[in-house]
Protein backbone atom coordinates (compact mmCIF):
# COMPACT_ATOMS: atom_id res chain seq x y z
CA MET A 1 24.27 -7.01 7.37
CA MET A 2 24.73 -3.56 5.94
CA THR A 3 23.96 -0.65 8.25
CA MET A 4 22.70 2.67 6.93
CA THR A 5 22.40 6.10 8.46
CA MET A 6 18.97 7.65 8.58
CA GLU A 7 19.90 10.21 5.94
CA LYS A 8 20.63 7.45 3.43
CA GLN A 9 17.19 5.96 3.91
CA LEU A 10 15.38 9.01 2.60
CA PRO A 11 14.14 9.40 -1.00
CA GLY A 12 16.75 10.33 -3.57
CA ALA A 13 19.67 8.73 -1.73
CA SER A 14 22.08 6.53 -3.66
CA LEU A 15 22.15 3.08 -2.06
CA ALA A 16 24.15 0.00 -2.92
CA GLN A 17 21.71 -2.88 -2.76
CA PRO A 18 22.90 -6.08 -1.06
CA LEU A 19 23.73 -9.06 -3.26
CA ASP A 20 23.04 -12.77 -2.85
CA GLU A 21 25.62 -15.53 -3.28
CA LYS A 22 25.12 -15.40 -7.08
CA GLY A 23 25.66 -11.65 -7.31
CA ARG A 24 21.98 -10.73 -7.83
CA GLU A 25 20.54 -7.62 -6.22
CA ILE A 26 18.34 -8.40 -3.21
CA LEU A 27 15.52 -5.89 -2.87
CA LEU A 28 13.69 -7.53 0.06
CA SER A 29 14.95 -10.06 2.57
CA ILE A 30 12.70 -11.80 5.10
CA ARG A 31 14.72 -13.38 7.89
CA ASP A 32 13.31 -15.82 10.48
CA LEU A 33 10.04 -13.91 10.53
CA HIS A 34 7.51 -14.64 13.27
CA VAL A 35 4.21 -12.76 13.59
CA TRP A 36 2.21 -13.83 16.63
CA PHE A 37 -0.96 -12.13 17.88
CA GLU A 38 -1.72 -12.29 21.58
CA LEU A 39 -5.12 -13.58 22.68
CA ARG A 40 -6.75 -12.03 25.74
CA ARG A 41 -9.36 -13.78 27.88
CA PHE A 42 -12.33 -11.41 28.26
CA GLY A 43 -9.97 -8.53 27.52
CA PHE A 44 -7.73 -9.18 30.54
CA GLY A 45 -5.78 -12.38 31.04
CA HIS A 46 -3.30 -13.83 28.56
CA ALA A 47 -4.82 -16.75 26.62
CA GLY A 48 -2.06 -17.69 24.20
CA TYR A 49 -0.96 -16.57 20.74
CA VAL A 50 -2.16 -16.95 17.18
CA ARG A 51 1.00 -17.99 15.31
CA ALA A 52 0.04 -16.40 12.00
CA VAL A 53 3.56 -16.44 10.56
CA ASP A 54 6.10 -18.83 12.03
CA ASP A 55 9.77 -18.83 10.99
CA VAL A 56 9.55 -17.62 7.38
CA SER A 57 12.65 -16.66 5.38
CA PHE A 58 13.22 -15.73 1.72
CA ASN A 59 14.87 -13.20 -0.59
CA LEU A 60 13.17 -11.22 -3.35
CA HIS A 61 15.33 -9.89 -6.15
CA GLN A 62 14.95 -6.66 -8.07
CA GLY A 63 12.42 -7.10 -10.88
CA GLU A 64 11.34 -10.58 -9.71
CA THR A 65 7.82 -11.88 -9.06
CA ILE A 66 7.08 -14.47 -6.40
CA ALA A 67 3.67 -15.98 -5.71
CA VAL A 68 2.65 -16.88 -2.15
CA VAL A 69 -0.10 -19.48 -2.40
CA GLY A 70 -2.21 -21.31 0.15
CA GLU A 71 -5.75 -21.72 1.43
CA SER A 72 -7.57 -19.17 3.56
CA GLY A 73 -6.14 -18.80 7.05
CA CYS A 74 -2.65 -20.03 6.17
CA GLY A 75 -0.98 -16.71 7.05
CA LYS A 76 -0.65 -15.08 3.62
CA SER A 77 -2.36 -11.83 4.64
CA SER A 78 -0.40 -11.53 7.90
CA LEU A 79 2.84 -11.99 5.97
CA MET A 80 1.73 -9.38 3.43
CA LYS A 81 0.74 -6.83 6.09
CA THR A 82 4.05 -7.30 7.89
CA ILE A 83 5.94 -6.67 4.66
CA LEU A 84 3.84 -3.53 4.15
CA GLY A 85 4.81 -2.33 7.63
CA LEU A 86 1.29 -2.65 9.04
CA HIS A 87 2.26 -5.36 11.55
CA LYS A 88 5.46 -5.48 13.58
CA PRO A 89 7.28 -8.80 13.68
CA THR A 90 7.24 -10.69 16.96
CA LYS A 91 10.67 -11.94 15.97
CA GLY A 92 12.83 -11.72 12.87
CA GLU A 93 13.51 -9.01 10.31
CA VAL A 94 12.09 -7.41 7.18
CA ILE A 95 15.07 -5.96 5.30
CA PHE A 96 14.47 -3.59 2.37
CA GLU A 97 17.53 -2.46 0.40
CA GLY A 98 19.69 -3.52 3.32
CA LYS A 99 17.67 -1.67 5.98
CA ASN A 100 15.55 -3.19 8.74
CA ILE A 101 12.18 -1.44 8.40
CA ASN A 102 11.51 -1.81 12.13
CA ASP A 103 14.55 0.32 12.97
CA ILE A 104 14.14 3.25 10.58
CA GLY A 105 11.74 5.44 12.59
CA SER A 106 8.57 7.18 11.46
CA GLY A 107 10.29 9.26 8.77
CA GLY A 108 12.00 6.21 7.33
CA LEU A 109 8.77 4.22 7.45
CA ALA A 110 7.00 6.92 5.43
CA TRP A 111 9.76 6.65 2.84
CA TYR A 112 9.52 2.85 2.85
CA ARG A 113 5.78 2.90 2.23
CA SER A 114 6.36 5.19 -0.76
CA GLN A 115 8.64 2.47 -2.17
CA VAL A 116 6.11 -0.35 -1.70
CA GLY A 117 2.80 -0.20 -3.55
CA TYR A 118 -0.28 -2.16 -2.53
CA ILE A 119 -2.98 -3.61 -4.80
CA GLN A 120 -6.04 -4.63 -2.78
CA GLN A 121 -8.31 -7.59 -3.44
CA ASP A 122 -11.60 -5.67 -3.48
CA PRO A 123 -11.21 -2.65 -5.76
CA PHE A 124 -14.59 -1.13 -4.91
CA GLY A 125 -13.94 -1.35 -1.18
CA ALA A 126 -10.44 0.08 -1.66
CA LEU A 127 -11.63 3.27 -3.37
CA ALA A 128 -13.19 6.08 -1.33
CA PRO A 129 -16.77 6.52 -2.62
CA PHE A 130 -16.77 10.29 -1.96
CA MET A 131 -13.60 10.99 -3.96
CA THR A 132 -13.26 11.45 -7.70
CA ILE A 133 -10.69 9.37 -9.57
CA GLU A 134 -8.49 12.47 -9.82
CA ARG A 135 -8.61 13.02 -6.06
CA ILE A 136 -7.93 9.33 -5.33
CA LEU A 137 -4.76 9.44 -7.41
CA GLU A 138 -3.72 12.88 -6.19
CA GLU A 139 -3.94 12.07 -2.48
CA PRO A 140 -0.76 9.92 -2.19
CA LEU A 141 1.18 12.58 -4.10
CA ILE A 142 0.03 15.30 -1.70
CA ILE A 143 0.78 13.14 1.35
CA ASN A 144 4.29 12.46 0.04
CA GLY A 145 5.13 16.10 -0.55
CA VAL A 146 4.54 16.64 -4.27
CA THR A 147 3.53 20.29 -3.96
CA ASP A 148 3.55 21.33 -7.62
CA LYS A 149 -0.01 21.04 -8.96
CA LYS A 150 1.10 20.62 -12.58
CA GLU A 151 3.48 17.82 -11.63
CA ARG A 152 0.67 16.05 -9.78
CA HIS A 153 -1.62 16.41 -12.80
CA ASP A 154 1.05 15.13 -15.19
CA ARG A 155 1.76 12.10 -13.02
CA ILE A 156 -1.94 11.30 -12.71
CA MET A 157 -2.37 11.48 -16.49
CA LYS A 158 0.66 9.25 -17.03
CA ALA A 159 -0.58 6.71 -14.47
CA LEU A 160 -3.98 6.49 -16.16
CA GLU A 161 -2.33 6.05 -19.54
CA GLU A 162 -0.13 3.24 -18.20
CA VAL A 163 -3.15 1.31 -16.92
CA LYS A 164 -4.95 1.82 -20.26
CA LEU A 165 -7.70 4.14 -19.02
CA THR A 166 -7.91 6.59 -21.89
CA PRO A 167 -8.88 9.24 -22.73
CA GLN A 168 -7.80 10.18 -19.21
CA ALA A 169 -9.93 13.33 -19.02
CA GLU A 170 -13.10 11.20 -19.12
CA PHE A 171 -12.11 9.31 -15.94
CA LEU A 172 -10.82 12.17 -13.79
CA PRO A 173 -14.24 13.53 -12.63
CA LYS A 174 -15.86 10.10 -12.15
CA PHE A 175 -16.50 8.31 -8.87
CA ALA A 176 -15.72 4.64 -8.24
CA HIS A 177 -19.34 3.50 -8.60
CA GLN A 178 -19.48 5.03 -12.10
CA ILE A 179 -16.89 2.67 -13.60
CA SER A 180 -16.71 -1.11 -14.04
CA GLY A 181 -14.99 -3.56 -11.69
CA GLY A 182 -12.11 -4.04 -14.10
CA GLN A 183 -11.65 -0.28 -14.41
CA GLN A 184 -11.78 0.07 -10.62
CA GLN A 185 -8.94 -2.42 -10.30
CA ARG A 186 -6.94 -0.48 -12.87
CA ILE A 187 -7.40 2.65 -10.72
CA VAL A 188 -6.13 0.69 -7.70
CA ILE A 189 -3.09 -0.36 -9.76
CA ALA A 190 -2.54 3.25 -10.92
CA ARG A 191 -2.63 4.42 -7.29
CA ALA A 192 -0.10 1.74 -6.31
CA MET A 193 2.19 2.87 -9.15
CA ILE A 194 1.88 6.63 -8.83
CA LEU A 195 4.74 7.06 -6.32
CA GLN A 196 7.04 5.03 -8.60
CA PRO A 197 7.69 2.20 -6.10
CA LYS A 198 10.22 -0.60 -6.43
CA LEU A 199 7.98 -3.31 -4.98
CA ILE A 200 4.27 -4.05 -5.43
CA VAL A 201 2.36 -6.32 -3.04
CA ALA A 202 -0.73 -7.62 -4.86
CA ASP A 203 -3.32 -9.27 -2.60
CA GLU A 204 -5.56 -11.55 -4.71
CA PRO A 205 -5.70 -8.78 -7.37
CA VAL A 206 -7.91 -10.69 -9.82
CA SER A 207 -10.04 -12.90 -7.56
CA MET A 208 -13.07 -10.57 -7.69
CA LEU A 209 -12.93 -9.96 -11.43
CA ASP A 210 -14.63 -11.77 -14.30
CA ALA A 211 -12.53 -14.47 -15.92
CA SER A 212 -12.10 -12.47 -19.14
CA VAL A 213 -10.90 -9.41 -17.22
CA ARG A 214 -8.45 -11.40 -15.08
CA VAL A 215 -6.19 -12.12 -18.03
CA GLU A 216 -6.16 -8.45 -19.04
CA VAL A 217 -5.22 -7.31 -15.53
CA LEU A 218 -2.46 -9.94 -15.21
CA ARG A 219 -1.05 -8.87 -18.59
CA LEU A 220 -1.19 -5.24 -17.48
CA MET A 221 0.74 -5.97 -14.28
CA SER A 222 3.28 -7.98 -16.26
CA ALA A 223 3.79 -5.09 -18.69
CA LEU A 224 4.21 -2.62 -15.82
CA GLN A 225 6.72 -4.92 -14.17
CA GLU A 226 8.80 -5.12 -17.31
CA SER A 227 8.70 -1.40 -18.13
CA HIS A 228 9.53 -0.28 -14.57
CA ASN A 229 11.71 -3.23 -13.42
CA LEU A 230 9.28 -3.80 -10.55
CA ALA A 231 9.37 -6.60 -8.02
CA PHE A 232 6.01 -8.22 -7.22
CA ILE A 233 4.71 -10.32 -4.35
CA TYR A 234 1.58 -11.96 -5.69
CA ILE A 235 -0.70 -13.30 -2.92
CA THR A 236 -3.22 -15.86 -4.18
CA HIS A 237 -4.97 -19.15 -3.51
CA ASP A 238 -5.46 -19.82 -7.22
CA LEU A 239 -2.60 -21.83 -8.75
CA SER A 240 -4.21 -21.57 -12.19
CA THR A 241 -3.02 -17.94 -12.56
CA VAL A 242 0.41 -18.35 -11.00
CA ARG A 243 2.16 -19.75 -14.07
CA TYR A 244 1.29 -16.60 -16.05
CA PHE A 245 2.63 -14.10 -13.56
CA SER A 246 5.38 -15.52 -11.35
CA GLU A 247 8.92 -16.81 -11.43
CA ARG A 248 8.89 -18.63 -8.10
CA ILE A 249 6.11 -20.15 -5.98
CA PHE A 250 6.09 -20.24 -2.19
CA VAL A 251 3.47 -22.62 -0.76
CA MET A 252 2.22 -21.56 2.68
CA TYR A 253 0.50 -23.81 5.20
CA ALA A 254 -0.32 -23.05 8.85
CA GLY A 255 1.99 -20.05 9.00
CA GLN A 256 5.00 -21.70 7.34
CA LEU A 257 6.46 -21.83 3.83
CA VAL A 258 6.39 -25.58 3.26
CA GLU A 259 7.75 -25.49 -0.31
CA LYS A 260 9.68 -22.99 -2.45
CA ALA A 261 10.68 -23.49 -6.08
CA GLN A 262 10.65 -22.09 -9.60
CA VAL A 263 7.13 -22.09 -11.06
CA ASP A 264 7.71 -24.70 -13.77
CA GLU A 265 9.63 -26.93 -11.39
CA LEU A 266 6.95 -26.92 -8.69
CA LEU A 267 4.05 -27.39 -11.09
CA ARG A 268 5.90 -30.33 -12.64
CA LYS A 269 6.91 -32.00 -9.38
CA GLN A 270 5.58 -31.19 -5.91
CA MET A 271 7.88 -32.17 -3.04
CA HIS A 272 5.43 -31.54 -0.19
CA PRO A 273 2.14 -33.47 0.18
CA TYR A 274 0.25 -30.22 0.84
CA SER A 275 1.48 -28.76 -2.45
CA GLU A 276 0.16 -31.89 -4.18
CA ALA A 277 -3.21 -31.41 -2.48
CA LEU A 278 -3.34 -27.73 -3.38
CA LEU A 279 -2.62 -28.47 -7.04
CA ALA A 280 -5.20 -31.27 -7.07
CA ALA A 281 -7.83 -28.84 -5.77
CA THR A 282 -7.14 -26.34 -8.56
CA SER A 283 -9.82 -26.20 -11.23
CA ASP A 284 -8.82 -27.81 -14.51
CA PRO A 285 -9.61 -25.88 -17.72
CA ASP A 286 -9.58 -29.12 -19.71
CA ALA A 287 -13.23 -30.00 -20.48
CA ASP A 288 -12.37 -33.72 -20.49
CA ASN A 289 -11.47 -33.45 -16.80
CA ALA A 290 -14.46 -31.34 -15.77
CA LEU A 291 -16.24 -34.21 -14.02
CA THR A 292 -13.11 -35.88 -12.62
CA PHE A 293 -12.95 -35.75 -8.82
CA LYS A 294 -9.44 -35.86 -7.39
CA ASP A 295 -8.52 -37.17 -3.97
CA VAL A 296 -7.57 -34.43 -1.52
CA PRO A 297 -6.43 -34.88 2.10
CA PRO A 298 -9.26 -35.08 4.66
CA GLY A 299 -9.68 -32.70 7.55
CA GLU A 300 -9.07 -29.01 8.09
CA PRO A 301 -5.96 -26.86 8.61
CA PRO A 302 -4.80 -26.88 12.23
CA SER A 303 -5.49 -24.13 14.75
CA LEU A 304 -2.72 -21.54 14.74
CA VAL A 305 -3.33 -21.02 18.46
CA LYS A 306 -2.12 -24.54 19.24
CA PRO A 307 -0.56 -26.11 16.13
CA PRO A 308 0.26 -29.83 16.27
CA ASP A 309 3.69 -31.09 17.27
CA GLY A 310 6.08 -31.99 14.50
CA CYS A 311 5.07 -31.28 10.91
CA ARG A 312 1.91 -29.18 10.89
CA PHE A 313 0.49 -31.13 7.97
CA HIS A 314 0.95 -34.55 9.53
CA PRO A 315 -2.68 -34.97 10.79
CA ARG A 316 -3.85 -34.80 7.14
CA CYS A 317 -0.83 -36.29 5.38
CA PRO A 318 -1.24 -39.59 3.49
CA HIS A 319 2.52 -40.26 3.86
CA VAL A 320 2.88 -39.59 7.61
CA MET A 321 5.64 -41.50 9.39
CA PRO A 322 4.55 -42.06 13.02
CA GLY A 323 7.22 -41.31 15.58
CA LEU A 324 8.85 -38.74 13.31
CA CYS A 325 6.38 -36.50 11.47
CA ASP A 326 4.18 -36.16 14.56
CA VAL A 327 7.08 -35.50 16.91
CA LYS A 328 9.78 -33.41 15.27
CA MET A 329 9.46 -30.33 13.05
CA PRO A 330 11.25 -30.98 9.76
CA PRO A 331 14.06 -28.63 8.74
CA GLU A 332 14.22 -27.22 5.22
CA PHE A 333 15.53 -29.80 2.75
CA GLU A 334 16.72 -29.18 -0.82
CA PRO A 335 15.90 -32.39 -2.76
CA THR A 336 16.87 -30.77 -6.08
CA SER A 337 18.69 -27.53 -6.85
CA GLN A 338 16.76 -24.44 -5.69
CA HIS A 339 13.75 -26.57 -4.71
CA TYR A 340 13.14 -26.45 -0.95
CA THR A 341 10.61 -28.21 1.25
CA LEU A 342 9.72 -28.83 4.89
CA CYS A 343 9.06 -32.57 4.66
CA TRP A 344 10.70 -35.59 6.25
CA LEU A 345 10.10 -37.58 3.04
CA HIS A 346 13.13 -35.79 1.59
CA ASP A 347 15.50 -36.33 4.48
CA PRO A 348 18.57 -38.07 2.97
CA GLU A 349 18.85 -40.19 6.13
CA GLN A 350 15.31 -41.53 5.58
CA ASN A 351 16.03 -42.63 2.00
């Protein structure tokens, strides 16, 4: 792993980004990440851990978009907050441009957070009700040392233009409650972009918007990605939007990434039974299928305080192999090129 001095982690430094085995630039690398939260009994005694993220690894390349999908409680938000630097890993590493963000100190962490933008799920809740739009967009610039008032104004005007809120002067004096939900989300996107980051973490960015507005916001984010060569981590439970705004899909279940593949590949052929169930539960826009009920696995996701032995999906899996799936955790298999899964069905020794 590359080691960097503190001076080279500050804004403006010239850094050689690490490369993967195919020579592509790696912007973010997650290595054996575990995020466990301790439970306390009545505030005193130790009562176990919530294993929110359990042994997750992946690389994100410069300018790439990955989608992390899964049902509520699967660990998506804990993974996102750890990448943002809001949670510290229990074990493992979050490497950004070759630097472990847990080892860079408070000054380095401030720099890191200027390089990673965040788009929240609820735009109204994310915007301070007592601040004007101008003040909302100006605040991160002030915090990050942009002292020239004209420069701040110019960057605010440019950010509003990029998110298609024009004429900009009409929006500057308004408060969040005076604009629509779609416009609020565009302000959240503008705020995430205003420090010119290299990575954007988008947490369910269109789930609270009307269907017609969702497409516009996804197209906007796609245009911003292309024009700024941004990397995106798109957190969602809705597979219907993933194909329009992702290159790879990571399926998360009970704190683990159970399947990773290119979007078209995974939507064509799911290698993990949970991925099949997740796709079956996705609403179908075809009117002919509107009243078709698909079989989905029974039961609920397991407790992350005491997950089951072996594969965590085995209590709900229609293909469970007793004596194996319920005993031993599967390693990561690669049934086809660049398509990975945690499932014993794809163990070459079982076939």
